[in-house]
C-alpha cells in the first residue's frame, strides 16, 4: 500500500526529475510553424512549376515543336500576348517558379558544399 501511495504522490508532485529532458513549448511550436510554412512554400513552388496553366513541360514541348518543326504558334492556340495565348498561358508564373527553384537548388548545393568542407576538415 505504501508504494502505491508513493507513486500517486509522485504523479502530482511539483519536483522536477533532473534526468528528464527539458524543452520549451515555444520552440516546439515555432518548429512546427516553420515546418508548415516550408512545406507550403515548397508545395506552391512545385505546383506553379509543374501544374499551373498546364505546367512548364507542356510549354517547353510546344516551344520545341515551334522551333524545330514546321508548326507555328497559332497551331497551339496563340493569337496575341495578353488575350489568347493558348498553350503558353501562364508562362510567366512557370518561369518565375523555375527561377526560384533553381535558386533554391543552388542555395542548398552551396550549403552542402560548406558542410562537406567542414566535415573534411574535422576528419583526422
PDB file of N, CA and C in Angstrom:
ATOM      1  N   UNK A   1       0.818  -1.194   0.000  1.00  0.00           N
ATOM      2  CA  UNK A   1       0.000   0.000   0.000  1.00  0.00           C
ATOM      3  C   UNK A   1       0.864   1.260   0.000  1.00  0.00           C
ATOM      4  N   UNK A   2       2.000   1.159   0.635  1.00  0.00           N
ATOM      5  CA  UNK A   2       2.882   2.305   0.757  1.00  0.00           C
ATOM      6  C   UNK A   2       3.474   2.679  -0.605  1.00  0.00           C
ATOM      7  N   UNK A   3       3.809   1.697  -1.452  1.00  0.00           N
ATOM      8  CA  UNK A   3       4.382   2.010  -2.768  1.00  0.00           C
ATOM      9  C   UNK A   3       3.329   2.641  -3.671  1.00  0.00           C
ATOM     10  N   UNK A   4       2.088   2.226  -3.563  1.00  0.00           N
ATOM     11  CA  UNK A   4       1.015   2.833  -4.347  1.00  0.00           C
ATOM     12  C   UNK A   4       0.851   4.304  -3.965  1.00  0.00           C
ATOM     13  N   UNK A   5       0.917   4.582  -2.663  1.00  0.00           N
ATOM     14  CA  UNK A   5       0.802   5.961  -2.194  1.00  0.00           C
ATOM     15  C   UNK A   5       1.986   6.807  -2.695  1.00  0.00           C
ATOM     16  N   UNK A   6       3.182   6.220  -2.707  1.00  0.00           N
ATOM     17  CA  UNK A   6       4.359   6.941  -3.197  1.00  0.00           C
ATOM     18  C   UNK A   6       4.231   7.264  -4.689  1.00  0.00           C
ATOM     19  N   UNK A   7       3.706   6.334  -5.459  1.00  0.00           N
ATOM     20  CA  UNK A   7       3.525   6.579  -6.893  1.00  0.00           C
ATOM     21  C   UNK A   7       2.485   7.657  -7.150  1.00  0.00           C
ATOM     22  N   UNK A   8       1.414   7.665  -6.391  1.00  0.00           N
ATOM     23  CA  UNK A   8       0.390   8.682  -6.565  1.00  0.00           C
ATOM     24  C   UNK A   8       0.897  10.064  -6.153  1.00  0.00           C
ATOM     25  N   UNK A   9       1.650  10.142  -5.099  1.00  0.00           N
ATOM     26  CA  UNK A   9       2.184  11.444  -4.690  1.00  0.00           C
ATOM     27  C   UNK A   9       3.254  11.926  -5.675  1.00  0.00           C
ATOM     28  N   UNK A  10       4.011  10.995  -6.249  1.00  0.00           N
ATOM     29  CA  UNK A  10       4.997  11.399  -7.248  1.00  0.00           C
ATOM     30  C   UNK A  10       4.311  11.963  -8.503  1.00  0.00           C
ATOM     31  N   UNK A  11       3.174  11.387  -8.863  1.00  0.00           N
ATOM     32  CA  UNK A  11       2.443  11.821 -10.035  1.00  0.00           C
ATOM     33  C   UNK A  11       1.993  13.274  -9.918  1.00  0.00           C
ATOM     34  N   UNK A  12       1.609  13.680  -8.720  1.00  0.00           N
ATOM     35  CA  UNK A  12       1.105  15.038  -8.525  1.00  0.00           C
ATOM     36  C   UNK A  12       2.105  15.960  -7.842  1.00  0.00           C
ATOM     37  N   UNK A  13       3.347  15.548  -7.746  1.00  0.00           N
ATOM     38  CA  UNK A  13       4.336  16.400  -7.083  1.00  0.00           C
ATOM     39  C   UNK A  13       4.846  17.466  -8.048  1.00  0.00           C
ATOM     40  N   UNK A  14       5.394  18.549  -7.496  1.00  0.00           N
ATOM     41  CA  UNK A  14       5.909  19.625  -8.338  1.00  0.00           C
ATOM     42  C   UNK A  14       7.430  19.597  -8.432  1.00  0.00           C
ATOM     43  N   UNK A  15       8.054  18.540  -7.953  1.00  0.00           N
ATOM     44  CA  UNK A  15       9.500  18.401  -8.060  1.00  0.00           C
ATOM     45  C   UNK A  15       9.850  17.873  -9.447  1.00  0.00           C
ATOM     46  N   UNK A  16      10.905  18.475 -10.041  1.00  0.00           N
ATOM     47  CA  UNK A  16      11.311  18.069 -11.384  1.00  0.00           C
ATOM     48  C   UNK A  16      12.386  16.997 -11.303  1.00  0.00           C
ATOM     49  N   UNK A  17      12.291  16.045 -12.207  1.00  0.00           N
ATOM     50  CA  UNK A  17      13.285  14.986 -12.293  1.00  0.00           C
ATOM     51  C   UNK A  17      14.512  15.537 -13.025  1.00  0.00           C
ATOM     52  N   UNK A  18      15.696  15.454 -12.431  1.00  0.00           N
ATOM     53  CA  UNK A  18      16.882  16.017 -13.107  1.00  0.00           C
ATOM     54  C   UNK A  18      17.278  15.252 -14.371  1.00  0.00           C
ATOM     55  N   UNK A  19      16.834  14.012 -14.542  1.00  0.00           N
ATOM     56  CA  UNK A  19      17.166  13.222 -15.737  1.00  0.00           C
ATOM     57  C   UNK A  19      16.180  13.439 -16.887  1.00  0.00           C
ATOM     58  N   UNK A  20      15.102  14.154 -16.619  1.00  0.00           N
ATOM     59  CA  UNK A  20      14.094  14.373 -17.653  1.00  0.00           C
ATOM     60  C   UNK A  20      14.574  15.441 -18.644  1.00  0.00           C
ATOM     61  N   UNK A  21      14.311  15.190 -19.929  1.00  0.00           N
ATOM     62  CA  UNK A  21      14.705  16.127 -20.970  1.00  0.00           C
ATOM     63  C   UNK A  21      13.776  17.335 -20.904  1.00  0.00           C
ATOM     64  N   UNK A  22      14.376  18.528 -20.907  1.00  0.00           N
ATOM     65  CA  UNK A  22      13.586  19.748 -20.861  1.00  0.00           C
ATOM     66  C   UNK A  22      13.445  20.326 -22.264  1.00  0.00           C
ATOM     67  N   UNK A  23      12.320  20.884 -22.544  1.00  0.00           N
ATOM     68  CA  UNK A  23      12.096  21.547 -23.824  1.00  0.00           C
ATOM     69  C   UNK A  23      11.211  22.755 -23.587  1.00  0.00           C
ATOM     70  N   UNK A  24      11.309  23.693 -24.487  1.00  0.00           N
ATOM     71  CA  UNK A  24      10.496  24.889 -24.420  1.00  0.00           C
ATOM     72  C   UNK A  24       9.334  24.721 -25.393  1.00  0.00           C
ATOM     73  N   UNK A  25       8.105  24.784 -24.931  1.00  0.00           N
ATOM     74  CA  UNK A  25       6.971  24.618 -25.847  1.00  0.00           C
ATOM     75  C   UNK A  25       6.937  25.668 -26.957  1.00  0.00           C
ATOM     76  N   UNK A  26       7.492  26.850 -26.701  1.00  0.00           N
ATOM     77  CA  UNK A  26       7.526  27.879 -27.740  1.00  0.00           C
ATOM     78  C   UNK A  26       8.444  27.443 -28.878  1.00  0.00           C
ATOM     79  N   UNK A  27       9.560  26.809 -28.545  1.00  0.00           N
ATOM     80  CA  UNK A  27      10.468  26.325 -29.585  1.00  0.00           C
ATOM     81  C   UNK A  27       9.821  25.203 -30.388  1.00  0.00           C
ATOM     82  N   UNK A  28       9.108  24.326 -29.728  1.00  0.00           N
ATOM     83  CA  UNK A  28       8.423  23.244 -30.445  1.00  0.00           C
ATOM     84  C   UNK A  28       7.354  23.827 -31.363  1.00  0.00           C
ATOM     85  N   UNK A  29       6.574  24.788 -30.851  1.00  0.00           N
ATOM     86  CA  UNK A  29       5.549  25.441 -31.675  1.00  0.00           C
ATOM     87  C   UNK A  29       6.163  26.180 -32.849  1.00  0.00           C
ATOM     88  N   UNK A  30       7.286  26.852 -32.595  1.00  0.00           N
ATOM     89  CA  UNK A  30       7.976  27.556 -33.677  1.00  0.00           C
ATOM     90  C   UNK A  30       8.474  26.603 -34.739  1.00  0.00           C
ATOM     91  N   UNK A  31       9.007  25.467 -34.321  1.00  0.00           N
ATOM     92  CA  UNK A  31       9.487  24.468 -35.282  1.00  0.00           C
ATOM     93  C   UNK A  31       8.330  23.923 -36.121  1.00  0.00           C
ATOM     94  N   UNK A  32       7.173  23.730 -35.499  1.00  0.00           N
ATOM     95  CA  UNK A  32       6.004  23.245 -36.238  1.00  0.00           C
ATOM     96  C   UNK A  32       5.552  24.285 -37.263  1.00  0.00           C
ATOM     97  N   UNK A  33       5.474  25.541 -36.826  1.00  0.00           N
ATOM     98  CA  UNK A  33       5.021  26.601 -37.735  1.00  0.00           C
ATOM     99  C   UNK A  33       6.007  26.786 -38.886  1.00  0.00           C
ATOM    100  N   UNK A  34       7.300  26.800 -38.596  1.00  0.00           N
ATOM    101  CA  UNK A  34       8.305  26.968 -39.651  1.00  0.00           C
ATOM    102  C   UNK A  34       8.266  25.786 -40.622  1.00  0.00           C
ATOM    103  N   UNK A  35       8.064  24.585 -40.102  1.00  0.00           N
ATOM    104  CA  UNK A  35       7.962  23.417 -40.981  1.00  0.00           C
ATOM    105  C   UNK A  35       6.742  23.520 -41.900  1.00  0.00           C
ATOM    106  N   UNK A  36       5.610  23.944 -41.350  1.00  0.00           N
ATOM    107  CA  UNK A  36       4.405  24.078 -42.171  1.00  0.00           C
ATOM    108  C   UNK A  36       4.573  25.165 -43.235  1.00  0.00           C
ATOM    109  N   UNK A  37       5.228  26.257 -42.883  1.00  0.00           N
ATOM    110  CA  UNK A  37       5.478  27.317 -43.874  1.00  0.00           C
ATOM    111  C   UNK A  37       6.400  26.793 -44.973  1.00  0.00           C
ATOM    112  N   UNK A  38       7.436  26.062 -44.599  1.00  0.00           N
ATOM    113  CA  UNK A  38       8.352  25.497 -45.592  1.00  0.00           C
ATOM    114  C   UNK A  38       7.662  24.507 -46.509  1.00  0.00           C
ATOM    115  N   UNK A  39       6.824  23.656 -45.952  1.00  0.00           N
ATOM    116  CA  UNK A  39       6.092  22.685 -46.766  1.00  0.00           C
ATOM    117  C   UNK A  39       5.127  23.402 -47.704  1.00  0.00           C
ATOM    118  N   UNK A  40       4.462  24.438 -47.206  1.00  0.00           N
ATOM    119  CA  UNK A  40       3.539  25.210 -48.044  1.00  0.00           C
ATOM    120  C   UNK A  40       4.257  25.917 -49.169  1.00  0.00           C
ATOM    121  N   UNK A  41       5.414  26.493 -48.871  1.00  0.00           N
ATOM    122  CA  UNK A  41       6.189  27.185 -49.909  1.00  0.00           C
ATOM    123  C   UNK A  41       6.689  26.202 -50.965  1.00  0.00           C
ATOM    124  N   UNK A  42       7.156  25.036 -50.527  1.00  0.00           N
ATOM    125  CA  UNK A  42       7.612  24.025 -51.478  1.00  0.00           C
ATOM    126  C   UNK A  42       6.452  23.529 -52.336  1.00  0.00           C
ATOM    127  N   UNK A  43       5.283  23.338 -51.739  1.00  0.00           N
ATOM    128  CA  UNK A  43       4.106  22.913 -52.489  1.00  0.00           C
ATOM    129  C   UNK A  43       3.743  23.961 -53.537  1.00  0.00           C
ATOM    130  N   UNK A  44       3.716  25.249 -53.134  1.00  0.00           N
ATOM    131  CA  UNK A  44       3.383  26.308 -54.081  1.00  0.00           C
ATOM    132  C   UNK A  44       4.388  26.335 -55.224  1.00  0.00           C
ATOM    133  N   UNK A  45       5.652  26.228 -54.883  1.00  0.00           N
ATOM    134  CA  UNK A  45       6.695  26.295 -55.900  1.00  0.00           C
ATOM    135  C   UNK A  45       6.558  25.162 -56.916  1.00  0.00           C
ATOM    136  N   UNK A  46       6.409  23.941 -56.441  1.00  0.00           N
ATOM    137  CA  UNK A  46       6.299  22.804 -57.356  1.00  0.00           C
ATOM    138  C   UNK A  46       4.987  22.827 -58.132  1.00  0.00           C
ATOM    139  N   UNK A  47       3.896  23.268 -57.481  1.00  0.00           N
ATOM    140  CA  UNK A  47       2.616  23.344 -58.180  1.00  0.00           C
ATOM    141  C   UNK A  47       2.686  24.374 -59.296  1.00  0.00           C
ATOM    142  N   UNK A  48       3.269  25.538 -59.006  1.00  0.00           N
ATOM    143  CA  UNK A  48       3.374  26.575 -60.027  1.00  0.00           C
ATOM    144  C   UNK A  48       4.282  26.123 -61.161  1.00  0.00           C
ATOM    145  N   UNK A  49       5.324  25.420 -60.836  1.00  0.00           N
ATOM    146  CA  UNK A  49       6.268  24.961 -61.861  1.00  0.00           C
ATOM    147  C   UNK A  49       5.676  23.864 -62.737  1.00  0.00           C
ATOM    148  N   UNK A  50       4.997  22.918 -62.143  1.00  0.00           N
ATOM    149  CA  UNK A  50       4.600  21.711 -62.877  1.00  0.00           C
ATOM    150  C   UNK A  50       3.128  21.632 -63.265  1.00  0.00           C
ATOM    151  N   UNK A  51       2.236  22.406 -62.615  1.00  0.00           N
ATOM    152  CA  UNK A  51       0.801  22.237 -62.839  1.00  0.00           C
ATOM    153  C   UNK A  51       0.125  23.498 -63.352  1.00  0.00           C
ATOM    154  N   UNK A  52       0.506  24.664 -62.878  1.00  0.00           N
ATOM    155  CA  UNK A  52      -0.181  25.913 -63.183  1.00  0.00           C
ATOM    156  C   UNK A  52      -0.280  26.138 -64.691  1.00  0.00           C
ATOM    157  N   UNK A  53      -1.502  26.292 -65.184  1.00  0.00           N
ATOM    158  CA  UNK A  53      -1.792  26.540 -66.604  1.00  0.00           C
ATOM    159  C   UNK A  53      -1.114  25.539 -67.537  1.00  0.00           C
ATOM    160  N   UNK A  54      -1.078  24.298 -67.137  1.00  0.00           N
ATOM    161  CA  UNK A  54      -0.518  23.250 -67.986  1.00  0.00           C
ATOM    162  C   UNK A  54       0.907  22.864 -67.636  1.00  0.00           C
ATOM    163  N   UNK A  55       1.576  23.667 -66.849  1.00  0.00           N
ATOM    164  CA  UNK A  55       2.926  23.329 -66.411  1.00  0.00           C
ATOM    165  C   UNK A  55       4.001  23.702 -67.409  1.00  0.00           C
ATOM    166  N   UNK A  56       5.213  23.640 -66.927  1.00  0.00           N
ATOM    167  CA  UNK A  56       6.367  24.044 -67.725  1.00  0.00           C
ATOM    168  C   UNK A  56       6.677  23.049 -68.849  1.00  0.00           C
ATOM    169  N   UNK A  57       6.498  21.767 -68.612  1.00  0.00           N
ATOM    170  CA  UNK A  57       6.849  20.768 -69.620  1.00  0.00           C
ATOM    171  C   UNK A  57       5.964  20.872 -70.863  1.00  0.00           C
ATOM    172  N   UNK A  58       4.695  21.178 -70.663  1.00  0.00           N
ATOM    173  CA  UNK A  58       3.788  21.332 -71.805  1.00  0.00           C
ATOM    174  C   UNK A  58       4.217  22.524 -72.664  1.00  0.00           C
ATOM    175  N   UNK A  59       4.594  23.617 -72.002  1.00  0.00           N
ATOM    176  CA  UNK A  59       5.040  24.804 -72.733  1.00  0.00           C
ATOM    177  C   UNK A  59       6.394  24.563 -73.408  1.00  0.00           C
ATOM    178  N   UNK A  60       7.277  23.854 -72.742  1.00  0.00           N
ATOM    179  CA  UNK A  60       8.593  23.569 -73.323  1.00  0.00           C
ATOM    180  C   UNK A  60       8.443  22.653 -74.539  1.00  0.00           C
ATOM    181  N   UNK A  61       7.552  21.681 -74.468  1.00  0.00           N
ATOM    182  CA  UNK A  61       7.314  20.797 -75.610  1.00  0.00           C
ATOM    183  C   UNK A  61       6.741  21.550 -76.796  1.00  0.00           C
ATOM    184  N   UNK A  62       5.788  22.457 -76.524  1.00  0.00           N
ATOM    185  CA  UNK A  62       5.208  23.252 -77.609  1.00  0.00           C
ATOM    186  C   UNK A  62       6.250  24.199 -78.205  1.00  0.00           C
ATOM    187  N   UNK A  63       7.076  24.803 -77.353  1.00  0.00           N
ATOM    188  CA  UNK A  63       8.122  25.709 -77.851  1.00  0.00           C
ATOM    189  C   UNK A  63       9.138  24.947 -78.702  1.00  0.00           C
ATOM    190  N   UNK A  64       9.480  23.732 -78.281  1.00  0.00           N
ATOM    191  CA  UNK A  64      10.414  22.923 -79.066  1.00  0.00           C
ATOM    192  C   UNK A  64       9.822  22.560 -80.419  1.00  0.00           C
ATOM    193  N   UNK A  65       8.529  22.260 -80.457  1.00  0.00           N
ATOM    194  CA  UNK A  65       7.895  21.938 -81.732  1.00  0.00           C
ATOM    195  C   UNK A  65       7.846  23.147 -82.643  1.00  0.00           C
ATOM    196  N   UNK A  66       7.635  24.330 -82.065  1.00  0.00           N
ATOM    197  CA  UNK A  66       7.630  25.545 -82.884  1.00  0.00           C
ATOM    198  C   UNK A  66       9.020  25.813 -83.434  1.00  0.00           C
ATOM    199  N   UNK A  67      10.045  25.613 -82.604  1.00  0.00           N
ATOM    200  CA  UNK A  67      11.411  25.899 -83.030  1.00  0.00           C
ATOM    201  C   UNK A  67      11.957  24.878 -84.020  1.00  0.00           C
ATOM    202  N   UNK A  68      11.648  23.605 -83.840  1.00  0.00           N
ATOM    203  CA  UNK A  68      12.320  22.563 -84.617  1.00  0.00           C
ATOM    204  C   UNK A  68      11.450  21.868 -85.655  1.00  0.00           C
ATOM    205  N   UNK A  69      10.177  22.185 -85.720  1.00  0.00           N
ATOM    206  CA  UNK A  69       9.306  21.587 -86.743  1.00  0.00           C
ATOM    207  C   UNK A  69       8.616  22.713 -87.506  1.00  0.00           C
ATOM    208  N   UNK A  70       7.701  22.347 -88.350  1.00  0.00           N
ATOM    209  CA  UNK A  70       7.013  23.355 -89.157  1.00  0.00           C
ATOM    210  C   UNK A  70       5.769  23.912 -88.468  1.00  0.00           C
ATOM    211  N   UNK A  71       5.542  23.570 -87.229  1.00  0.00           N
ATOM    212  CA  UNK A  71       4.373  24.085 -86.513  1.00  0.00           C
ATOM    213  C   UNK A  71       4.577  25.560 -86.181  1.00  0.00           C
ATOM    214  N   UNK A  72       3.463  26.264 -86.044  1.00  0.00           N
ATOM    215  CA  UNK A  72       3.508  27.687 -85.700  1.00  0.00           C
ATOM    216  C   UNK A  72       2.853  27.897 -84.339  1.00  0.00           C
ATOM    217  N   UNK A  73       2.973  29.107 -83.828  1.00  0.00           N
ATOM    218  CA  UNK A  73       2.336  29.435 -82.555  1.00  0.00           C
ATOM    219  C   UNK A  73       0.815  29.317 -82.643  1.00  0.00           C
ATOM    220  N   UNK A  74       0.266  29.620 -83.797  1.00  0.00           N
ATOM    221  CA  UNK A  74      -1.188  29.528 -83.988  1.00  0.00           C
ATOM    222  C   UNK A  74      -1.682  28.091 -83.862  1.00  0.00           C
ATOM    223  N   UNK A  75      -0.832  27.118 -84.171  1.00  0.00           N
ATOM    224  CA  UNK A  75      -1.220  25.712 -84.011  1.00  0.00           C
ATOM    225  C   UNK A  75      -1.451  25.357 -82.549  1.00  0.00           C
ATOM    226  N   UNK A  76      -0.867  26.109 -81.651  1.00  0.00           N
ATOM    227  CA  UNK A  76      -1.018  25.861 -80.216  1.00  0.00           C
ATOM    228  C   UNK A  76      -1.971  26.854 -79.555  1.00  0.00           C
ATOM    229  N   UNK A  77      -2.751  27.582 -80.360  1.00  0.00           N
ATOM    230  CA  UNK A  77      -3.781  28.461 -79.826  1.00  0.00           C
ATOM    231  C   UNK A  77      -3.327  29.875 -79.532  1.00  0.00           C
ATOM    232  N   UNK A  78      -2.135  30.235 -79.914  1.00  0.00           N
ATOM    233  CA  UNK A  78      -1.616  31.579 -79.642  1.00  0.00           C
ATOM    234  C   UNK A  78      -2.164  32.560 -80.665  1.00  0.00           C
ATOM    235  N   UNK A  79      -2.832  33.615 -80.163  1.00  0.00           N
ATOM    236  CA  UNK A  79      -3.361  34.650 -81.053  1.00  0.00           C
ATOM    237  C   UNK A  79      -2.752  36.012 -80.764  1.00  0.00           C
ATOM    238  N   UNK A  80      -2.369  36.257 -79.548  1.00  0.00           N
ATOM    239  CA  UNK A  80      -1.786  37.536 -79.166  1.00  0.00           C
ATOM    240  C   UNK A  80      -1.426  37.499 -77.696  1.00  0.00           C
ATOM    241  N   UNK A  81      -0.448  38.273 -77.314  1.00  0.00           N
ATOM    242  CA  UNK A  81       0.138  38.147 -75.989  1.00  0.00           C
ATOM    243  C   UNK A  81      -0.836  38.281 -74.822  1.00  0.00           C
ATOM    244  N   UNK A  82      -1.549  39.360 -74.654  1.00  0.00           N
ATOM    245  CA  UNK A  82      -2.364  39.380 -73.436  1.00  0.00           C
ATOM    246  C   UNK A  82      -3.739  38.735 -73.590  1.00  0.00           C
ATOM    247  N   UNK A  83      -4.152  38.375 -74.791  1.00  0.00           N
ATOM    248  CA  UNK A  83      -5.527  37.952 -74.998  1.00  0.00           C
ATOM    249  C   UNK A  83      -5.701  36.443 -75.063  1.00  0.00           C
ATOM    250  N   UNK A  84      -5.153  35.797 -76.047  1.00  0.00           N
ATOM    251  CA  UNK A  84      -5.328  34.360 -76.220  1.00  0.00           C
ATOM    252  C   UNK A  84      -3.951  33.758 -76.474  1.00  0.00           C
ATOM    253  N   UNK A  85      -3.366  33.210 -75.418  1.00  0.00           N
ATOM    254  CA  UNK A  85      -2.007  32.673 -75.544  1.00  0.00           C
ATOM    255  C   UNK A  85      -1.995  31.169 -75.754  1.00  0.00           C
ATOM    256  N   UNK A  86      -3.149  30.542 -75.679  1.00  0.00           N
ATOM    257  CA  UNK A  86      -3.225  29.106 -75.917  1.00  0.00           C
ATOM    258  C   UNK A  86      -2.444  28.313 -74.887  1.00  0.00           C
ATOM    259  N   UNK A  87      -1.586  27.432 -75.374  1.00  0.00           N
ATOM    260  CA  UNK A  87      -0.780  26.579 -74.500  1.00  0.00           C
ATOM    261  C   UNK A  87       0.171  27.410 -73.642  1.00  0.00           C
ATOM    262  N   UNK A  88       0.558  28.575 -74.123  1.00  0.00           N
ATOM    263  CA  UNK A  88       1.556  29.389 -73.434  1.00  0.00           C
ATOM    264  C   UNK A  88       0.958  30.272 -72.338  1.00  0.00           C
ATOM    265  N   UNK A  89      -0.304  30.073 -72.011  1.00  0.00           N
ATOM    266  CA  UNK A  89      -0.942  30.813 -70.936  1.00  0.00           C
ATOM    267  C   UNK A  89      -0.265  30.476 -69.607  1.00  0.00           C
ATOM    268  N   UNK A  90       0.105  31.490 -68.850  1.00  0.00           N
ATOM    269  CA  UNK A  90       0.732  31.291 -67.548  1.00  0.00           C
ATOM    270  C   UNK A  90       2.231  31.066 -67.599  1.00  0.00           C
ATOM    271  N   UNK A  91       2.862  31.408 -68.714  1.00  0.00           N
ATOM    272  CA  UNK A  91       4.301  31.149 -68.855  1.00  0.00           C
ATOM    273  C   UNK A  91       5.116  31.950 -67.860  1.00  0.00           C
ATOM    274  N   UNK A  92       4.655  33.158 -67.508  1.00  0.00           N
ATOM    275  CA  UNK A  92       5.432  33.987 -66.586  1.00  0.00           C
ATOM    276  C   UNK A  92       5.488  33.345 -65.193  1.00  0.00           C
ATOM    277  N   UNK A  93       4.372  32.804 -64.724  1.00  0.00           N
ATOM    278  CA  UNK A  93       4.356  32.119 -63.428  1.00  0.00           C
ATOM    279  C   UNK A  93       5.243  30.887 -63.424  1.00  0.00           C
ATOM    280  N   UNK A  94       5.179  30.109 -64.510  1.00  0.00           N
ATOM    281  CA  UNK A  94       6.038  28.925 -64.614  1.00  0.00           C
ATOM    282  C   UNK A  94       7.514  29.306 -64.643  1.00  0.00           C
ATOM    283  N   UNK A  95       7.838  30.373 -65.369  1.00  0.00           N
ATOM    284  CA  UNK A  95       9.227  30.812 -65.466  1.00  0.00           C
ATOM    285  C   UNK A  95       9.729  31.355 -64.124  1.00  0.00           C
ATOM    286  N   UNK A  96       8.875  32.104 -63.428  1.00  0.00           N
ATOM    287  CA  UNK A  96       9.254  32.617 -62.110  1.00  0.00           C
ATOM    288  C   UNK A  96       9.495  31.464 -61.135  1.00  0.00           C
ATOM    289  N   UNK A  97       8.638  30.455 -61.169  1.00  0.00           N
ATOM    290  CA  UNK A  97       8.818  29.291 -60.304  1.00  0.00           C
ATOM    291  C   UNK A  97      10.090  28.535 -60.672  1.00  0.00           C
ATOM    292  N   UNK A  98      10.417  28.457 -61.963  1.00  0.00           N
ATOM    293  CA  UNK A  98      11.646  27.796 -62.386  1.00  0.00           C
ATOM    294  C   UNK A  98      12.863  28.538 -61.847  1.00  0.00           C
ATOM    295  N   UNK A  99      12.853  29.864 -61.917  1.00  0.00           N
ATOM    296  CA  UNK A  99      13.974  30.644 -61.397  1.00  0.00           C
ATOM    297  C   UNK A  99      14.101  30.506 -59.882  1.00  0.00           C
ATOM    298  N   UNK A 100      12.977  30.538 -59.171  1.00  0.00           N
ATOM    299  CA  UNK A 100      13.016  30.340 -57.722  1.00  0.00           C
ATOM    300  C   UNK A 100      13.520  28.940 -57.362  1.00  0.00           C
ATOM    301  N   UNK A 101      13.076  27.946 -58.118  1.00  0.00           N
ATOM    302  CA  UNK A 101      13.509  26.579 -57.872  1.00  0.00           C
ATOM    303  C   UNK A 101      15.009  26.427 -58.115  1.00  0.00           C
ATOM    304  N   UNK A 102      15.498  27.044 -59.187  1.00  0.00           N
ATOM    305  CA  UNK A 102      16.936  26.988 -59.477  1.00  0.00           C
ATOM    306  C   UNK A 102      17.733  27.688 -58.374  1.00  0.00           C
ATOM    307  N   UNK A 103      17.237  28.817 -57.871  1.00  0.00           N
ATOM    308  CA  UNK A 103      17.903  29.498 -56.764  1.00  0.00           C
ATOM    309  C   UNK A 103      17.910  28.672 -55.501  1.00  0.00           C
ATOM    310  N   UNK A 104      16.798  27.985 -55.231  1.00  0.00           N
ATOM    311  CA  UNK A 104      16.719  27.125 -54.050  1.00  0.00           C
ATOM    312  C   UNK A 104      17.693  25.962 -54.157  1.00  0.00           C
ATOM    313  N   UNK A 105      17.758  25.341 -55.315  1.00  0.00           N
ATOM    314  CA  UNK A 105      18.696  24.230 -55.517  1.00  0.00           C
ATOM    315  C   UNK A 105      20.138  24.708 -55.387  1.00  0.00           C
ATOM    316  N   UNK A 106      20.445  25.896 -55.937  1.00  0.00           N
ATOM    317  CA  UNK A 106      21.801  26.438 -55.834  1.00  0.00           C
ATOM    318  C   UNK A 106      22.161  26.736 -54.377  1.00  0.00           C
ATOM    319  N   UNK A 107      21.220  27.289 -53.613  1.00  0.00           N
ATOM    320  CA  UNK A 107      21.478  27.583 -52.204  1.00  0.00           C
ATOM    321  C   UNK A 107      21.692  26.302 -51.401  1.00  0.00           C
ATOM    322  N   UNK A 108      20.884  25.293 -51.657  1.00  0.00           N
ATOM    323  CA  UNK A 108      21.061  24.014 -50.965  1.00  0.00           C
ATOM    324  C   UNK A 108      22.374  23.355 -51.352  1.00  0.00           C
ATOM    325  N   UNK A 109      22.777  23.477 -52.610  1.00  0.00           N
ATOM    326  CA  UNK A 109      24.057  22.921 -53.049  1.00  0.00           C
ATOM    327  C   UNK A 109      25.218  23.625 -52.354  1.00  0.00           C
ATOM    328  N   UNK A 110      25.130  24.933 -52.222  1.00  0.00           N
ATOM    329  CA  UNK A 110      26.174  25.694 -51.531  1.00  0.00           C
ATOM    330  C   UNK A 110      26.270  25.272 -50.056  1.00  0.00           C
ATOM    331  N   UNK A 111      25.110  25.094 -49.405  1.00  0.00           N
ATOM    332  CA  UNK A 111      25.122  24.622 -48.012  1.00  0.00           C
ATOM    333  C   UNK A 111      25.752  23.239 -47.898  1.00  0.00           C
ATOM    334  N   UNK A 112      25.438  22.374 -48.852  1.00  0.00           N
ATOM    335  CA  UNK A 112      26.012  21.036 -48.841  1.00  0.00           C
ATOM    336  C   UNK A 112      27.529  21.087 -48.995  1.00  0.00           C
ATOM    337  N   UNK A 113      28.018  21.919 -49.914  1.00  0.00           N
ATOM    338  CA  UNK A 113      29.464  22.012 -50.116  1.00  0.00           C
ATOM    339  C   UNK A 113      30.170  22.553 -48.877  1.00  0.00           C
ATOM    340  N   UNK A 114      29.578  23.537 -48.204  1.00  0.00           N
ATOM    341  CA  UNK A 114      30.172  24.072 -46.971  1.00  0.00           C
ATOM    342  C   UNK A 114      30.209  23.003 -45.880  1.00  0.00           C
ATOM    343  N   UNK A 115      29.123  22.256 -45.733  1.00  0.00           N
ATOM    344  CA  UNK A 115      29.079  21.208 -44.713  1.00  0.00           C
ATOM    345  C   UNK A 115      30.077  20.096 -45.037  1.00  0.00           C
ATOM    346  N   UNK A 116      30.222  19.754 -46.306  1.00  0.00           N
ATOM    347  CA  UNK A 116      31.182  18.722 -46.697  1.00  0.00           C
ATOM    348  C   UNK A 116      32.598  19.193 -46.442  1.00  0.00           C
ATOM    349  N   UNK A 117      32.898  20.473 -46.678  1.00  0.00           N
ATOM    350  CA  UNK A 117      34.235  21.000 -46.416  1.00  0.00           C
ATOM    351  C   UNK A 117      34.546  20.981 -44.913  1.00  0.00           C
ATOM    352  N   UNK A 118      33.546  21.349 -44.097  1.00  0.00           N
ATOM    353  CA  UNK A 118      33.756  21.301 -42.637  1.00  0.00           C
ATOM    354  C   UNK A 118      33.967  19.876 -42.159  1.00  0.00           C
ATOM    355  N   UNK A 119      33.248  18.929 -42.745  1.00  0.00           N
ATOM    356  CA  UNK A 119      33.416  17.526 -42.347  1.00  0.00           C
ATOM    357  C   UNK A 119      34.784  17.009 -42.739  1.00  0.00           C
ATOM    358  N   UNK A 120      35.284  17.436 -43.895  1.00  0.00           N
ATOM    359  CA  UNK A 120      36.630  17.015 -44.310  1.00  0.00           C
ATOM    360  C   UNK A 120      37.716  17.596 -43.391  1.00  0.00           C
ATOM    361  N   UNK A 121      37.508  18.823 -42.913  1.00  0.00           N
ATOM    362  CA  UNK A 121      38.476  19.443 -42.009  1.00  0.00           C
ATOM    363  C   UNK A 121      38.525  18.744 -40.663  1.00  0.00           C
ATOM    364  N   UNK A 122      37.413  18.259 -40.182  1.00  0.00           N
ATOM    365  CA  UNK A 122      37.353  17.589 -38.880  1.00  0.00           C
ATOM    366  C   UNK A 122      37.903  16.176 -38.922  1.00  0.00           C
ATOM    367  N   UNK A 123      37.869  15.561 -40.102  1.00  0.00           N
ATOM    368  CA  UNK A 123      38.318  14.196 -40.244  1.00  0.00           C
ATOM    369  C   UNK A 123      39.841  14.122 -40.036  1.00  0.00           C
ATOM    370  N   UNK A 124      40.300  13.160 -39.210  1.00  0.00           N
ATOM    371  CA  UNK A 124      41.758  13.056 -38.957  1.00  0.00           C
ATOM    372  C   UNK A 124      42.531  12.498 -40.120  1.00  0.00           C
TER     373      UNK A 124
END
